[in-house]
Amino acid sequence: MKKPLLTTLLSLSIVQSLLAQGAIGIDAASSEIGTYVDPIANFILIIGAVVGLIGGVRVYIKWNSGDQDVQKSIMGWFGSCIFLVIVGIVIKAFFGIS
């Protein structure tokens, strides 16, 4: 009768040890992700600014050449810039570990 009890206690102590190591690993990964969140979000915002500048120049060129699709081009470039800005903000909000 003592053998199953000893086996059960030994199994529980092994499982507890493994869970403790898993929690330490998750904490380490969480802090590691936290160090990358701000630079990545800022990089996405920089990409959005560059796309906005390129889009502005392309729309200006279309407008001066008298192209009829200027409004469609404005909406496309503006939409892509707004998307990149929102992605940068969402990344900071979602992964922002303080």
N, C-alpha and C. Protein backbone atom coordinates (compact mmCIF):
# COMPACT_ATOMS: atom_id res chain seq x y z
N MET A 1 0.81 -1.19 0.00
CA MET A 1 0.00 0.00 0.00
C MET A 1 0.86 1.26 0.00
N LYS A 2 2.02 1.24 0.59
CA LYS A 2 2.86 2.42 0.67
C LYS A 2 3.52 2.72 -0.68
N LYS A 3 3.69 1.73 -1.51
CA LYS A 3 4.35 1.93 -2.79
C LYS A 3 3.54 2.84 -3.73
N PRO A 4 2.20 2.66 -3.89
CA PRO A 4 1.45 3.58 -4.75
C PRO A 4 1.44 5.01 -4.21
N LEU A 5 1.39 5.16 -2.90
CA LEU A 5 1.40 6.50 -2.30
C LEU A 5 2.73 7.19 -2.57
N LEU A 6 3.81 6.46 -2.43
CA LEU A 6 5.14 7.01 -2.69
C LEU A 6 5.28 7.37 -4.17
N THR A 7 4.78 6.54 -5.05
CA THR A 7 4.84 6.81 -6.48
C THR A 7 4.02 8.04 -6.83
N THR A 8 2.86 8.18 -6.25
CA THR A 8 2.01 9.33 -6.51
C THR A 8 2.67 10.61 -6.02
N LEU A 9 3.25 10.60 -4.83
CA LEU A 9 3.92 11.78 -4.31
C LEU A 9 5.13 12.16 -5.15
N LEU A 10 5.87 11.17 -5.61
CA LEU A 10 7.03 11.42 -6.45
C LEU A 10 6.59 12.03 -7.79
N SER A 11 5.52 11.49 -8.35
CA SER A 11 4.99 12.02 -9.62
C SER A 11 4.52 13.45 -9.46
N LEU A 12 3.84 13.74 -8.37
CA LEU A 12 3.37 15.11 -8.13
C LEU A 12 4.51 16.09 -7.96
N SER A 13 5.57 15.68 -7.30
CA SER A 13 6.71 16.57 -7.12
C SER A 13 7.42 16.83 -8.45
N ILE A 14 7.48 15.83 -9.32
CA ILE A 14 8.09 16.02 -10.64
C ILE A 14 7.24 16.97 -11.48
N VAL A 15 5.93 16.79 -11.45
CA VAL A 15 5.04 17.66 -12.21
C VAL A 15 5.13 19.09 -11.70
N GLN A 16 5.19 19.28 -10.39
CA GLN A 16 5.30 20.62 -9.82
C GLN A 16 6.60 21.27 -10.25
N SER A 17 7.67 20.52 -10.28
CA SER A 17 8.97 21.04 -10.70
C SER A 17 8.92 21.47 -12.17
N LEU A 18 8.30 20.65 -13.02
CA LEU A 18 8.20 20.99 -14.43
C LEU A 18 7.33 22.23 -14.65
N LEU A 19 6.24 22.35 -13.91
CA LEU A 19 5.38 23.52 -14.04
C LEU A 19 6.10 24.79 -13.58
N ALA A 20 6.90 24.69 -12.55
CA ALA A 20 7.65 25.85 -12.07
C ALA A 20 8.66 26.29 -13.14
N GLN A 21 9.31 25.33 -13.79
CA GLN A 21 10.26 25.68 -14.85
C GLN A 21 9.53 26.29 -16.04
N GLY A 22 8.33 25.81 -16.33
CA GLY A 22 7.54 26.38 -17.42
C GLY A 22 7.14 27.81 -17.14
N ALA A 23 6.78 28.10 -15.89
CA ALA A 23 6.41 29.46 -15.51
C ALA A 23 7.60 30.40 -15.62
N ILE A 24 8.77 29.92 -15.25
CA ILE A 24 9.98 30.74 -15.37
C ILE A 24 10.26 31.04 -16.84
N GLY A 25 10.08 30.04 -17.69
CA GLY A 25 10.29 30.24 -19.13
C GLY A 25 9.30 31.22 -19.73
N ILE A 26 8.05 31.14 -19.30
CA ILE A 26 7.03 32.06 -19.81
C ILE A 26 7.34 33.49 -19.35
N ASP A 27 7.76 33.66 -18.12
CA ASP A 27 8.13 34.99 -17.64
C ASP A 27 9.32 35.56 -18.41
N ALA A 28 10.29 34.71 -18.71
CA ALA A 28 11.45 35.17 -19.48
C ALA A 28 11.05 35.57 -20.90
N ALA A 29 10.19 34.78 -21.52
CA ALA A 29 9.73 35.11 -22.87
C ALA A 29 8.92 36.40 -22.87
N SER A 30 8.11 36.59 -21.85
CA SER A 30 7.29 37.80 -21.75
C SER A 30 8.16 39.04 -21.63
N SER A 31 9.18 38.97 -20.81
CA SER A 31 10.06 40.13 -20.68
C SER A 31 10.89 40.35 -21.94
N GLU A 32 11.23 39.28 -22.64
CA GLU A 32 11.98 39.40 -23.90
C GLU A 32 11.13 40.07 -24.97
N ILE A 33 9.87 39.69 -25.07
CA ILE A 33 8.96 40.31 -26.04
C ILE A 33 8.78 41.78 -25.69
N GLY A 34 8.71 42.09 -24.41
CA GLY A 34 8.53 43.47 -23.98
C GLY A 34 9.65 44.39 -24.43
N THR A 35 10.86 43.86 -24.60
CA THR A 35 11.98 44.69 -25.05
C THR A 35 11.91 45.00 -26.54
N TYR A 36 11.18 44.19 -27.31
CA TYR A 36 11.10 44.39 -28.76
C TYR A 36 9.86 45.17 -29.19
N VAL A 37 8.90 45.36 -28.33
CA VAL A 37 7.63 45.96 -28.73
C VAL A 37 7.80 47.40 -29.18
N ASP A 38 8.43 48.24 -28.40
CA ASP A 38 8.56 49.66 -28.76
C ASP A 38 9.38 49.87 -30.03
N PRO A 39 10.53 49.23 -30.20
CA PRO A 39 11.26 49.44 -31.46
C PRO A 39 10.49 48.98 -32.70
N ILE A 40 9.78 47.87 -32.59
CA ILE A 40 9.02 47.38 -33.75
C ILE A 40 7.86 48.32 -34.06
N ALA A 41 7.14 48.76 -33.04
CA ALA A 41 6.03 49.68 -33.27
C ALA A 41 6.53 51.00 -33.86
N ASN A 42 7.65 51.50 -33.37
CA ASN A 42 8.22 52.73 -33.93
C ASN A 42 8.67 52.54 -35.37
N PHE A 43 9.22 51.37 -35.67
CA PHE A 43 9.65 51.06 -37.04
C PHE A 43 8.45 51.04 -37.98
N ILE A 44 7.34 50.48 -37.53
CA ILE A 44 6.13 50.45 -38.36
C ILE A 44 5.62 51.87 -38.60
N LEU A 45 5.68 52.72 -37.57
CA LEU A 45 5.27 54.11 -37.75
C LEU A 45 6.19 54.84 -38.73
N ILE A 46 7.47 54.54 -38.70
CA ILE A 46 8.41 55.14 -39.65
C ILE A 46 8.09 54.69 -41.07
N ILE A 47 7.78 53.41 -41.23
CA ILE A 47 7.40 52.90 -42.55
C ILE A 47 6.14 53.62 -43.04
N GLY A 48 5.18 53.84 -42.13
CA GLY A 48 3.97 54.58 -42.49
C GLY A 48 4.28 56.00 -42.95
N ALA A 49 5.23 56.65 -42.31
CA ALA A 49 5.61 58.00 -42.71
C ALA A 49 6.26 58.01 -44.09
N VAL A 50 7.12 57.04 -44.34
CA VAL A 50 7.77 56.95 -45.66
C VAL A 50 6.74 56.66 -46.74
N VAL A 51 5.82 55.74 -46.47
CA VAL A 51 4.76 55.44 -47.44
C VAL A 51 3.91 56.69 -47.69
N GLY A 52 3.64 57.45 -46.65
CA GLY A 52 2.87 58.69 -46.81
C GLY A 52 3.59 59.70 -47.69
N LEU A 53 4.90 59.84 -47.50
CA LEU A 53 5.67 60.78 -48.33
C LEU A 53 5.70 60.33 -49.79
N ILE A 54 5.94 59.06 -50.00
CA ILE A 54 5.96 58.53 -51.37
C ILE A 54 4.58 58.69 -52.01
N GLY A 55 3.55 58.37 -51.25
CA GLY A 55 2.19 58.51 -51.78
C GLY A 55 1.85 59.94 -52.11
N GLY A 56 2.27 60.87 -51.25
CA GLY A 56 2.01 62.28 -51.52
C GLY A 56 2.67 62.75 -52.81
N VAL A 57 3.90 62.32 -53.03
CA VAL A 57 4.61 62.70 -54.26
C VAL A 57 3.92 62.09 -55.48
N ARG A 58 3.54 60.83 -55.38
CA ARG A 58 2.88 60.18 -56.53
C ARG A 58 1.53 60.80 -56.83
N VAL A 59 0.77 61.15 -55.80
CA VAL A 59 -0.52 61.81 -56.01
C VAL A 59 -0.31 63.19 -56.63
N TYR A 60 0.70 63.92 -56.16
CA TYR A 60 1.00 65.24 -56.72
C TYR A 60 1.35 65.13 -58.21
N ILE A 61 2.15 64.13 -58.55
CA ILE A 61 2.52 63.94 -59.96
C ILE A 61 1.28 63.61 -60.79
N LYS A 62 0.41 62.75 -60.28
CA LYS A 62 -0.82 62.42 -61.00
C LYS A 62 -1.71 63.65 -61.16
N TRP A 63 -1.80 64.43 -60.12
CA TRP A 63 -2.66 65.61 -60.14
C TRP A 63 -2.16 66.63 -61.17
N ASN A 64 -0.85 66.84 -61.20
CA ASN A 64 -0.29 67.80 -62.16
C ASN A 64 -0.36 67.31 -63.60
N SER A 65 -0.38 66.00 -63.79
CA SER A 65 -0.46 65.48 -65.16
C SER A 65 -1.90 65.44 -65.66
N GLY A 66 -2.87 65.73 -64.79
CA GLY A 66 -4.27 65.77 -65.21
C GLY A 66 -4.93 64.41 -65.24
N ASP A 67 -4.41 63.46 -64.52
CA ASP A 67 -4.99 62.12 -64.48
C ASP A 67 -6.36 62.15 -63.81
N GLN A 68 -7.26 61.29 -64.27
CA GLN A 68 -8.63 61.27 -63.74
C GLN A 68 -8.75 60.44 -62.47
N ASP A 69 -7.79 59.58 -62.15
CA ASP A 69 -7.87 58.69 -60.99
C ASP A 69 -7.18 59.25 -59.76
N VAL A 70 -7.12 60.55 -59.63
CA VAL A 70 -6.42 61.16 -58.49
C VAL A 70 -7.12 60.82 -57.19
N GLN A 71 -8.44 60.89 -57.17
CA GLN A 71 -9.18 60.62 -55.93
C GLN A 71 -8.99 59.18 -55.49
N LYS A 72 -9.00 58.25 -56.43
CA LYS A 72 -8.79 56.85 -56.08
C LYS A 72 -7.37 56.63 -55.54
N SER A 73 -6.42 57.30 -56.13
CA SER A 73 -5.04 57.19 -55.67
C SER A 73 -4.87 57.78 -54.27
N ILE A 74 -5.51 58.92 -54.02
CA ILE A 74 -5.45 59.53 -52.69
C ILE A 74 -6.01 58.59 -51.64
N MET A 75 -7.15 57.99 -51.93
CA MET A 75 -7.79 57.09 -50.97
C MET A 75 -6.92 55.85 -50.72
N GLY A 76 -6.29 55.33 -51.74
CA GLY A 76 -5.43 54.16 -51.58
C GLY A 76 -4.22 54.44 -50.72
N TRP A 77 -3.52 55.52 -51.01
CA TRP A 77 -2.33 55.87 -50.24
C TRP A 77 -2.69 56.27 -48.82
N PHE A 78 -3.76 57.05 -48.67
CA PHE A 78 -4.19 57.47 -47.35
C PHE A 78 -4.61 56.26 -46.51
N GLY A 79 -5.32 55.33 -47.13
CA GLY A 79 -5.73 54.11 -46.42
C GLY A 79 -4.55 53.28 -45.95
N SER A 80 -3.54 53.18 -46.80
CA SER A 80 -2.36 52.39 -46.40
C SER A 80 -1.61 53.07 -45.25
N CYS A 81 -1.53 54.39 -45.26
CA CYS A 81 -0.87 55.11 -44.16
C CYS A 81 -1.65 54.95 -42.86
N ILE A 82 -2.96 55.09 -42.93
CA ILE A 82 -3.79 54.93 -41.73
C ILE A 82 -3.65 53.51 -41.20
N PHE A 83 -3.63 52.52 -42.08
CA PHE A 83 -3.47 51.13 -41.66
C PHE A 83 -2.16 50.94 -40.91
N LEU A 84 -1.06 51.46 -41.44
CA LEU A 84 0.23 51.29 -40.78
C LEU A 84 0.27 52.00 -39.43
N VAL A 85 -0.32 53.15 -39.33
CA VAL A 85 -0.35 53.87 -38.04
C VAL A 85 -1.16 53.08 -37.03
N ILE A 86 -2.30 52.56 -37.45
CA ILE A 86 -3.15 51.78 -36.53
C ILE A 86 -2.44 50.50 -36.10
N VAL A 87 -1.73 49.85 -37.02
CA VAL A 87 -0.99 48.64 -36.66
C VAL A 87 0.08 48.95 -35.61
N GLY A 88 0.79 50.07 -35.78
CA GLY A 88 1.79 50.46 -34.79
C GLY A 88 1.19 50.70 -33.42
N ILE A 89 0.03 51.34 -33.39
CA ILE A 89 -0.63 51.61 -32.11
C ILE A 89 -1.16 50.33 -31.48
N VAL A 90 -1.74 49.45 -32.30
CA VAL A 90 -2.29 48.19 -31.78
C VAL A 90 -1.19 47.29 -31.24
N ILE A 91 -0.05 47.27 -31.90
CA ILE A 91 1.07 46.46 -31.39
C ILE A 91 1.50 46.96 -30.02
N LYS A 92 1.59 48.28 -29.86
CA LYS A 92 1.96 48.81 -28.56
C LYS A 92 0.91 48.49 -27.51
N ALA A 93 -0.36 48.57 -27.89
CA ALA A 93 -1.44 48.31 -26.93
C ALA A 93 -1.56 46.83 -26.59
N PHE A 94 -1.37 45.98 -27.58
CA PHE A 94 -1.57 44.54 -27.38
C PHE A 94 -0.40 43.89 -26.64
N PHE A 95 0.80 44.24 -27.05
CA PHE A 95 1.99 43.63 -26.47
C PHE A 95 2.68 44.52 -25.47
N GLY A 96 2.13 45.67 -25.16
CA GLY A 96 2.75 46.60 -24.22
C GLY A 96 2.82 46.00 -22.84
N ILE A 97 4.00 45.58 -22.49
CA ILE A 97 4.22 44.94 -21.18
C ILE A 97 4.92 45.95 -20.29
N SER A 98 4.29 46.28 -19.21
CA SER A 98 4.90 47.29 -18.33
C SER A 98 5.48 46.66 -17.09
